[in-house]
Amino acid sequence: MNIYAGNLDFSVQESELKEEFSKHGTVEDVRLITDNQTGRSKGFAFIEMPNEEEAKAAIEKLNGLELKGRALKVNEARPRRENRGGGGGGGKRW
């Protein structure tokens, strides 16, 4: 199950998230999302837990948990939307 963890302090590291989530089961992967240009955390991450029961327990226990002074927002990640370009619109047409 893919889990979203938000409202993270910008200093939180992947290893800290893995440690917290591992208390509730097996963690397969942690991806802290960072800004491409600055490398700074965007304040959210995705955690992959292969066992659905463990993942749901982690969500229940960690949602609202204070980590580095901030209350975590933890829930099941929504499927990624396909952003199929396009653009268009705006600007004058000659």
N, C-alpha and C. Protein backbone atom coordinates (compact mmCIF):
# COMPACT_ATOMS: atom_id res chain seq x y z
N MET A 1 0.85 -1.17 0.00
CA MET A 1 0.00 0.00 0.00
C MET A 1 0.90 1.24 0.00
N ASN A 2 0.53 2.21 -0.79
CA ASN A 2 1.27 3.47 -0.85
C ASN A 2 0.62 4.47 0.10
N ILE A 3 1.43 5.06 0.97
CA ILE A 3 0.94 5.96 2.02
C ILE A 3 1.51 7.36 1.79
N TYR A 4 0.66 8.36 1.97
CA TYR A 4 1.06 9.76 1.90
C TYR A 4 1.32 10.25 3.33
N ALA A 5 2.43 10.93 3.53
CA ALA A 5 2.73 11.58 4.81
C ALA A 5 3.01 13.05 4.52
N GLY A 6 2.20 13.92 5.06
CA GLY A 6 2.34 15.35 4.80
C GLY A 6 2.49 16.16 6.07
N ASN A 7 2.63 17.46 5.89
CA ASN A 7 2.86 18.43 6.97
C ASN A 7 4.18 18.11 7.69
N LEU A 8 5.16 17.64 6.91
CA LEU A 8 6.45 17.30 7.48
C LEU A 8 7.30 18.55 7.67
N ASP A 9 8.03 18.58 8.76
CA ASP A 9 9.04 19.62 8.95
C ASP A 9 10.07 19.44 7.84
N PHE A 10 10.59 20.55 7.32
CA PHE A 10 11.52 20.48 6.18
C PHE A 10 12.83 19.78 6.52
N SER A 11 13.11 19.58 7.80
CA SER A 11 14.36 18.92 8.19
C SER A 11 14.21 17.40 8.35
N VAL A 12 12.99 16.87 8.24
CA VAL A 12 12.78 15.43 8.39
C VAL A 12 13.49 14.69 7.26
N GLN A 13 14.16 13.60 7.62
CA GLN A 13 14.91 12.78 6.67
C GLN A 13 14.15 11.48 6.39
N GLU A 14 14.45 10.86 5.25
CA GLU A 14 13.83 9.58 4.89
C GLU A 14 14.06 8.53 5.97
N SER A 15 15.26 8.52 6.55
CA SER A 15 15.58 7.52 7.57
C SER A 15 14.68 7.68 8.80
N GLU A 16 14.32 8.92 9.15
CA GLU A 16 13.44 9.14 10.30
C GLU A 16 12.04 8.63 10.01
N LEU A 17 11.57 8.86 8.79
CA LEU A 17 10.24 8.37 8.42
C LEU A 17 10.23 6.84 8.41
N LYS A 18 11.28 6.26 7.86
CA LYS A 18 11.36 4.79 7.83
C LYS A 18 11.33 4.23 9.25
N GLU A 19 12.04 4.88 10.16
CA GLU A 19 12.07 4.43 11.55
C GLU A 19 10.68 4.48 12.17
N GLU A 20 9.94 5.58 11.97
CA GLU A 20 8.60 5.71 12.54
C GLU A 20 7.64 4.68 11.96
N PHE A 21 7.63 4.55 10.64
CA PHE A 21 6.70 3.62 10.00
C PHE A 21 7.06 2.17 10.27
N SER A 22 8.34 1.88 10.43
CA SER A 22 8.79 0.50 10.70
C SER A 22 8.30 -0.01 12.05
N LYS A 23 7.93 0.88 12.94
CA LYS A 23 7.39 0.46 14.23
C LYS A 23 6.05 -0.26 14.05
N HIS A 24 5.45 -0.11 12.86
CA HIS A 24 4.12 -0.67 12.62
C HIS A 24 4.12 -1.75 11.54
N GLY A 25 5.31 -2.06 10.99
CA GLY A 25 5.38 -3.11 9.99
C GLY A 25 6.55 -2.90 9.04
N THR A 26 6.55 -3.70 7.99
CA THR A 26 7.63 -3.68 7.01
C THR A 26 7.49 -2.47 6.08
N VAL A 27 8.56 -1.72 5.94
CA VAL A 27 8.60 -0.58 5.02
C VAL A 27 9.47 -0.97 3.83
N GLU A 28 8.88 -0.92 2.66
CA GLU A 28 9.60 -1.30 1.44
C GLU A 28 10.36 -0.12 0.85
N ASP A 29 9.77 1.09 0.93
CA ASP A 29 10.40 2.26 0.31
C ASP A 29 9.88 3.53 0.96
N VAL A 30 10.76 4.54 1.03
CA VAL A 30 10.39 5.87 1.49
C VAL A 30 10.91 6.86 0.46
N ARG A 31 10.03 7.73 -0.04
CA ARG A 31 10.42 8.74 -1.01
C ARG A 31 10.03 10.12 -0.50
N LEU A 32 10.99 10.85 -0.01
CA LEU A 32 10.78 12.21 0.45
C LEU A 32 10.80 13.09 -0.80
N ILE A 33 9.77 13.88 -1.01
CA ILE A 33 9.67 14.69 -2.21
C ILE A 33 10.41 16.00 -2.01
N THR A 34 11.30 16.30 -2.95
CA THR A 34 12.12 17.50 -2.86
C THR A 34 11.95 18.37 -4.10
N ASP A 35 12.25 19.64 -3.93
CA ASP A 35 12.22 20.59 -5.04
C ASP A 35 13.38 20.27 -5.98
N ASN A 36 13.11 20.19 -7.27
CA ASN A 36 14.14 19.83 -8.25
C ASN A 36 15.29 20.84 -8.29
N GLN A 37 15.00 22.10 -8.10
CA GLN A 37 16.04 23.12 -8.22
C GLN A 37 16.84 23.33 -6.94
N THR A 38 16.16 23.31 -5.80
CA THR A 38 16.85 23.61 -4.54
C THR A 38 17.24 22.37 -3.76
N GLY A 39 16.59 21.25 -4.03
CA GLY A 39 16.85 20.03 -3.28
C GLY A 39 16.19 20.03 -1.92
N ARG A 40 15.47 21.10 -1.59
CA ARG A 40 14.80 21.23 -0.30
C ARG A 40 13.50 20.42 -0.28
N SER A 41 13.22 19.84 0.87
CA SER A 41 12.00 19.06 1.04
C SER A 41 10.77 19.92 0.75
N LYS A 42 9.76 19.30 0.14
CA LYS A 42 8.49 19.98 -0.10
C LYS A 42 7.52 19.74 1.05
N GLY A 43 7.95 18.97 2.07
CA GLY A 43 7.11 18.77 3.24
C GLY A 43 6.17 17.57 3.15
N PHE A 44 6.42 16.69 2.17
CA PHE A 44 5.62 15.46 2.12
C PHE A 44 6.44 14.32 1.54
N ALA A 45 5.93 13.11 1.78
CA ALA A 45 6.65 11.91 1.34
C ALA A 45 5.65 10.81 1.06
N PHE A 46 6.14 9.77 0.38
CA PHE A 46 5.35 8.57 0.12
C PHE A 46 6.10 7.38 0.70
N ILE A 47 5.36 6.56 1.41
CA ILE A 47 5.93 5.38 2.07
C ILE A 47 5.21 4.16 1.51
N GLU A 48 5.97 3.18 1.07
CA GLU A 48 5.39 1.95 0.54
C GLU A 48 5.52 0.85 1.58
N MET A 49 4.36 0.28 1.96
CA MET A 49 4.32 -0.84 2.89
C MET A 49 3.58 -1.97 2.20
N PRO A 50 4.24 -3.14 2.01
CA PRO A 50 3.63 -4.22 1.25
C PRO A 50 2.43 -4.90 1.93
N ASN A 51 2.38 -4.87 3.25
CA ASN A 51 1.29 -5.53 3.97
C ASN A 51 0.19 -4.49 4.26
N GLU A 52 -0.99 -4.71 3.69
CA GLU A 52 -2.08 -3.75 3.82
C GLU A 52 -2.53 -3.54 5.26
N GLU A 53 -2.59 -4.62 6.05
CA GLU A 53 -3.00 -4.50 7.45
C GLU A 53 -2.01 -3.64 8.23
N GLU A 54 -0.72 -3.87 8.02
CA GLU A 54 0.31 -3.07 8.69
C GLU A 54 0.24 -1.62 8.24
N ALA A 55 0.00 -1.42 6.96
CA ALA A 55 -0.09 -0.05 6.43
C ALA A 55 -1.26 0.69 7.05
N LYS A 56 -2.40 0.04 7.15
CA LYS A 56 -3.58 0.69 7.75
C LYS A 56 -3.33 0.99 9.22
N ALA A 57 -2.64 0.09 9.92
CA ALA A 57 -2.31 0.34 11.33
C ALA A 57 -1.37 1.54 11.45
N ALA A 58 -0.41 1.63 10.54
CA ALA A 58 0.52 2.76 10.56
C ALA A 58 -0.22 4.07 10.32
N ILE A 59 -1.14 4.07 9.37
CA ILE A 59 -1.93 5.27 9.09
C ILE A 59 -2.70 5.70 10.34
N GLU A 60 -3.37 4.73 10.96
CA GLU A 60 -4.18 5.02 12.15
C GLU A 60 -3.33 5.57 13.29
N LYS A 61 -2.17 4.96 13.52
CA LYS A 61 -1.32 5.35 14.65
C LYS A 61 -0.54 6.64 14.39
N LEU A 62 -0.13 6.88 13.15
CA LEU A 62 0.76 8.01 12.87
C LEU A 62 0.04 9.28 12.43
N ASN A 63 -1.19 9.18 11.97
CA ASN A 63 -1.93 10.38 11.59
C ASN A 63 -2.15 11.25 12.82
N GLY A 64 -1.62 12.47 12.79
CA GLY A 64 -1.74 13.38 13.93
C GLY A 64 -0.56 13.33 14.88
N LEU A 65 0.32 12.33 14.72
CA LEU A 65 1.51 12.22 15.57
C LEU A 65 2.39 13.45 15.37
N GLU A 66 2.90 13.98 16.46
CA GLU A 66 3.79 15.13 16.36
C GLU A 66 5.22 14.65 16.10
N LEU A 67 5.81 15.16 15.03
CA LEU A 67 7.18 14.83 14.67
C LEU A 67 7.90 16.15 14.38
N LYS A 68 8.90 16.45 15.18
CA LYS A 68 9.65 17.70 15.07
C LYS A 68 8.73 18.92 15.12
N GLY A 69 7.75 18.85 16.03
CA GLY A 69 6.88 20.00 16.26
C GLY A 69 5.72 20.16 15.30
N ARG A 70 5.51 19.20 14.41
CA ARG A 70 4.41 19.30 13.46
C ARG A 70 3.56 18.03 13.51
N ALA A 71 2.25 18.20 13.44
CA ALA A 71 1.33 17.06 13.43
C ALA A 71 1.28 16.46 12.03
N LEU A 72 1.68 15.19 11.92
CA LEU A 72 1.69 14.53 10.62
C LEU A 72 0.28 14.35 10.08
N LYS A 73 0.17 14.45 8.78
CA LYS A 73 -1.07 14.09 8.08
C LYS A 73 -0.74 12.84 7.28
N VAL A 74 -1.33 11.72 7.69
CA VAL A 74 -1.00 10.43 7.09
C VAL A 74 -2.28 9.76 6.60
N ASN A 75 -2.27 9.36 5.33
CA ASN A 75 -3.41 8.63 4.77
C ASN A 75 -2.98 7.82 3.56
N GLU A 76 -3.89 7.01 3.05
CA GLU A 76 -3.58 6.22 1.86
C GLU A 76 -3.40 7.19 0.70
N ALA A 77 -2.32 7.00 -0.04
CA ALA A 77 -2.03 7.88 -1.18
C ALA A 77 -3.05 7.63 -2.28
N ARG A 78 -3.47 8.71 -2.91
CA ARG A 78 -4.37 8.60 -4.06
C ARG A 78 -3.54 8.26 -5.29
N PRO A 79 -4.14 7.55 -6.24
CA PRO A 79 -3.40 7.25 -7.47
C PRO A 79 -2.98 8.55 -8.17
N ARG A 80 -1.81 8.50 -8.76
CA ARG A 80 -1.28 9.66 -9.46
C ARG A 80 -2.11 9.94 -10.71
N ARG A 81 -2.45 11.22 -10.89
CA ARG A 81 -3.21 11.60 -12.07
C ARG A 81 -2.27 11.71 -13.26
N GLU A 82 -2.77 11.27 -14.40
CA GLU A 82 -2.01 11.43 -15.64
C GLU A 82 -2.15 12.88 -16.07
N ASN A 83 -1.04 13.55 -16.24
CA ASN A 83 -1.05 14.94 -16.69
C ASN A 83 -0.54 14.94 -18.12
N ARG A 84 -1.44 14.84 -19.03
CA ARG A 84 -1.07 14.68 -20.42
C ARG A 84 -1.00 16.01 -21.14
N GLY A 85 -0.14 16.89 -20.64
CA GLY A 85 0.29 18.08 -21.35
C GLY A 85 -0.79 18.99 -21.83
N GLY A 86 -0.76 19.27 -23.09
CA GLY A 86 -1.77 20.14 -23.67
C GLY A 86 -1.33 21.57 -23.60
N GLY A 87 -1.70 22.22 -22.57
CA GLY A 87 -1.41 23.65 -22.50
C GLY A 87 -2.46 24.37 -23.33
N GLY A 88 -2.00 25.11 -24.32
CA GLY A 88 -2.94 25.83 -25.16
C GLY A 88 -3.56 26.98 -24.38
N GLY A 89 -4.71 27.37 -24.78
CA GLY A 89 -5.40 28.48 -24.09
C GLY A 89 -4.60 29.75 -24.19
N GLY A 90 -4.87 30.70 -23.37
CA GLY A 90 -4.18 31.99 -23.23
C GLY A 90 -3.48 32.54 -24.45
N GLY A 91 -3.28 33.81 -24.45
CA GLY A 91 -2.53 34.47 -25.52
C GLY A 91 -3.41 34.83 -26.72
N LYS A 92 -2.87 35.74 -27.51
CA LYS A 92 -3.61 36.20 -28.71
C LYS A 92 -3.51 35.19 -29.82
N ARG A 93 -4.53 35.15 -30.60
CA ARG A 93 -4.52 34.31 -31.79
C ARG A 93 -4.52 35.24 -33.00
N TRP A 94 -3.60 35.00 -33.89
CA TRP A 94 -3.47 35.89 -35.06
C TRP A 94 -4.22 35.35 -36.20
